Amino acid sequence: MSILAWTAAALALLGPATKDDVRALRLALADERAAIALYEAAIGALGPHPPFSNLVRAERNHAALVEATMRKLDVPVPDGLPKPAEPPASRKDALEAAIRAERENVALYDRLLRLDLSLEVRRTLETLQSASRDRHLPALERALGRAGGGDGGGQLRSGPGQGQRGWRWRHGRAGR
């Protein structure tokens, strides 16, 4: 079977993208790209350290997931990134801006998931929302708590998978 036949078969299984699918995917991609710009600005101002170095990598993967879903549904993928984000004045400012952005991201997905979406688009958005809510926000809140900018969401743990502890050990900053 030719590639064209496989593509046609796959599209027949997925069905055409609805207007809500297209709208949701475009908004999701714009939001993921804005997050990339935000984290790149933080890295440019503060250096390539967690959590921003981890988050920019994750956001690039998220944008790629949205783009792949768009291609599967034969939805044109817009070119380009948003304008660069304003560099933060401090680590605390960067963390607070990132927390606001991730909360807005979760709220955006709450609104988009109320639309009449195909299963493929719904799964994509649920995956992205879960990452923001369950991984990104807790990592940023812990980092802000360590930076003295908040209570860390009550999650001031350390250990495997708990943010910067591994980075401090690898870079000789344990116990400081």
Protein backbone atom coordinates (compact mmCIF):
# COMPACT_ATOMS: atom_id res chain seq x y z
CA MET A 1 0.00 0.00 0.00
CA SER A 2 1.39 3.42 -0.94
CA ILE A 3 1.99 6.23 1.52
CA LEU A 4 -0.88 8.16 -0.03
CA ALA A 5 -3.22 5.22 0.53
CA TRP A 6 -2.07 4.87 4.16
CA THR A 7 -2.61 8.58 4.74
CA ALA A 8 -6.09 8.41 3.23
CA ALA A 9 -6.92 5.38 5.39
CA ALA A 10 -5.67 7.11 8.53
CA LEU A 11 -7.68 10.24 7.78
CA ALA A 12 -10.76 8.13 7.19
CA LEU A 13 -10.32 6.60 10.66
CA LEU A 14 -9.68 9.95 12.33
CA GLY A 15 -12.29 11.83 10.37
CA PRO A 16 -11.97 15.42 9.26
CA ALA A 17 -11.04 18.05 11.80
CA THR A 18 -13.97 20.06 13.08
CA LYS A 19 -13.92 23.85 13.44
CA ASP A 20 -13.54 23.34 17.20
CA ASP A 21 -10.58 20.97 16.60
CA VAL A 22 -8.86 23.54 14.39
CA ARG A 23 -9.53 26.40 16.83
CA ALA A 24 -8.34 24.38 19.84
CA LEU A 25 -5.18 23.18 18.12
CA ARG A 26 -4.25 26.68 16.93
CA LEU A 27 -4.78 28.16 20.40
CA ALA A 28 -2.84 25.31 22.03
CA LEU A 29 0.07 25.72 19.62
CA ALA A 30 0.18 29.49 20.16
CA ASP A 31 0.19 28.96 23.92
CA GLU A 32 2.93 26.32 23.82
CA ARG A 33 5.05 28.55 21.59
CA ALA A 34 4.53 31.50 23.96
CA ALA A 35 5.75 29.29 26.82
CA ILE A 36 8.88 28.46 24.80
CA ALA A 37 9.54 32.18 24.36
CA LEU A 38 8.98 32.84 28.08
CA TYR A 39 11.39 30.09 29.17
CA GLU A 40 13.98 31.06 26.56
CA ALA A 41 13.90 34.63 27.91
CA ALA A 42 14.46 33.32 31.43
CA ILE A 43 17.37 31.18 30.24
CA GLY A 44 18.83 34.13 28.35
CA ALA A 45 18.73 36.31 31.46
CA LEU A 46 19.53 33.74 34.16
CA GLY A 47 21.44 30.94 32.44
CA PRO A 48 20.47 27.40 31.41
CA HIS A 49 19.44 26.12 34.84
CA PRO A 50 16.40 24.19 36.06
CA PRO A 51 13.52 24.55 36.12
CA PHE A 52 13.65 26.72 32.96
CA SER A 53 16.05 24.49 31.04
CA ASN A 54 13.78 21.49 31.69
CA LEU A 55 10.61 23.41 30.92
CA VAL A 56 11.76 24.85 27.60
CA ARG A 57 12.58 21.31 26.46
CA ALA A 58 9.16 20.09 27.61
CA GLU A 59 7.35 22.98 25.88
CA ARG A 60 9.17 22.22 22.63
CA ASN A 61 7.94 18.63 22.92
CA HIS A 62 4.42 19.90 23.61
CA ALA A 63 4.48 22.16 20.55
CA ALA A 64 5.72 19.21 18.48
CA LEU A 65 2.82 17.07 19.78
CA VAL A 66 0.29 19.73 18.76
CA GLU A 67 1.94 20.08 15.35
CA ALA A 68 1.88 16.31 14.86
CA THR A 69 -1.82 16.21 15.75
CA MET A 70 -2.48 19.02 13.30
CA ARG A 71 -0.68 17.14 10.56
CA LYS A 72 -2.59 13.93 11.35
CA LEU A 73 -5.84 15.81 10.91
CA ASP A 74 -4.60 17.69 7.83
CA VAL A 75 -4.77 21.04 9.63
CA PRO A 76 -2.19 23.56 8.37
CA VAL A 77 0.56 24.25 10.92
CA PRO A 78 1.23 27.99 11.29
CA ASP A 79 4.84 29.09 10.91
CA GLY A 80 6.95 30.90 13.43
CA LEU A 81 7.23 31.71 17.07
CA PRO A 82 5.65 34.58 18.98
CA LYS A 83 7.71 37.68 19.59
CA PRO A 84 10.41 37.10 22.22
CA ALA A 85 9.30 37.47 25.81
CA GLU A 86 10.64 40.25 28.00
CA PRO A 87 13.68 39.03 29.96
CA PRO A 88 12.95 38.79 33.69
CA ALA A 89 14.69 41.11 36.13
CA SER A 90 15.34 38.31 38.62
CA ARG A 91 14.90 34.59 39.19
CA LYS A 92 11.92 35.31 41.45
CA ASP A 93 10.27 37.42 38.72
CA ALA A 94 10.89 34.66 36.17
CA LEU A 95 9.39 32.02 38.44
CA GLU A 96 6.34 34.13 39.24
CA ALA A 97 5.75 34.87 35.54
CA ALA A 98 6.13 31.19 34.71
CA ILE A 99 3.66 30.17 37.42
CA ARG A 100 1.13 32.69 36.08
CA ALA A 101 1.66 31.39 32.54
CA GLU A 102 1.24 27.74 33.56
CA ARG A 103 -1.95 28.55 35.51
CA GLU A 104 -3.31 30.40 32.48
CA ASN A 105 -2.33 27.39 30.36
CA VAL A 106 -4.33 25.01 32.57
CA ALA A 107 -7.32 27.39 32.42
CA LEU A 108 -7.04 27.61 28.62
CA TYR A 109 -7.19 23.83 28.37
CA ASP A 110 -10.18 23.80 30.73
CA ARG A 111 -12.01 26.08 28.29
CA LEU A 112 -10.88 24.19 25.17
CA LEU A 113 -11.85 20.81 26.60
CA ARG A 114 -15.45 22.06 26.88
CA LEU A 115 -15.61 22.26 23.07
CA ASP A 116 -16.92 19.50 20.82
CA LEU A 117 -13.54 17.93 20.00
CA SER A 118 -12.46 14.80 18.21
CA LEU A 119 -10.96 12.08 20.38
CA GLU A 120 -7.48 12.73 18.96
CA VAL A 121 -7.56 16.45 19.81
CA ARG A 122 -9.13 15.82 23.23
CA ARG A 123 -6.35 13.36 24.14
CA THR A 124 -3.67 15.80 22.98
CA LEU A 125 -5.10 18.65 25.06
CA GLU A 126 -5.58 16.45 28.13
CA THR A 127 -1.95 15.32 27.88
CA LEU A 128 -0.74 18.92 27.67
CA GLN A 129 -2.97 20.11 30.50
CA SER A 130 -1.84 17.29 32.74
CA ALA A 131 1.81 18.15 32.14
CA SER A 132 1.22 21.80 33.07
CA ARG A 133 -0.92 21.07 36.10
CA ASP A 134 0.86 18.00 37.48
CA ARG A 135 4.49 18.64 36.56
CA HIS A 136 5.27 22.19 35.50
CA LEU A 137 3.34 24.06 38.19
CA PRO A 138 4.66 21.95 41.10
CA ALA A 139 8.25 22.27 39.83
CA LEU A 140 7.93 26.04 39.53
CA GLU A 141 6.25 26.38 42.94
CA ARG A 142 9.02 24.34 44.58
CA ALA A 143 11.65 26.48 42.89
CA LEU A 144 9.91 29.67 44.02
CA GLY A 145 9.71 28.32 47.58
CA ARG A 146 13.46 27.62 47.52
CA ALA A 147 14.09 31.09 46.09
CA GLY A 148 12.27 32.61 49.09
CA GLY A 149 9.39 33.87 46.99
CA GLY A 150 6.53 31.87 48.40
CA ASP A 151 5.53 28.82 50.30
CA GLY A 152 6.36 26.53 47.36
CA GLY A 153 2.81 25.30 47.27
CA GLY A 154 3.52 23.25 50.37
CA GLN A 155 5.78 20.99 48.37
CA LEU A 156 9.28 21.67 49.63
CA ARG A 157 10.41 18.08 49.21
CA SER A 158 13.69 16.95 47.73
CA GLY A 159 14.76 13.71 46.19
CA PRO A 160 14.47 11.93 42.86
CA GLY A 161 12.14 13.76 40.51
CA GLN A 162 11.86 16.72 42.87
CA GLY A 163 13.42 19.47 40.82
CA GLN A 164 16.80 21.04 41.34
CA ARG A 165 18.33 18.72 43.91
CA GLY A 166 19.97 16.65 41.17
CA TRP A 167 21.27 19.80 39.51
CA ARG A 168 22.84 21.07 42.75
CA TRP A 169 24.58 17.75 43.36
CA ARG A 170 25.92 17.54 39.82
CA HIS A 171 27.27 21.09 40.02
CA GLY A 172 28.87 20.91 43.42
CA ARG A 173 26.26 22.96 45.28
CA ALA A 174 24.89 20.34 47.63
CA GLY A 175 24.17 21.64 51.12
CA ARG A 176 24.49 25.29 50.17
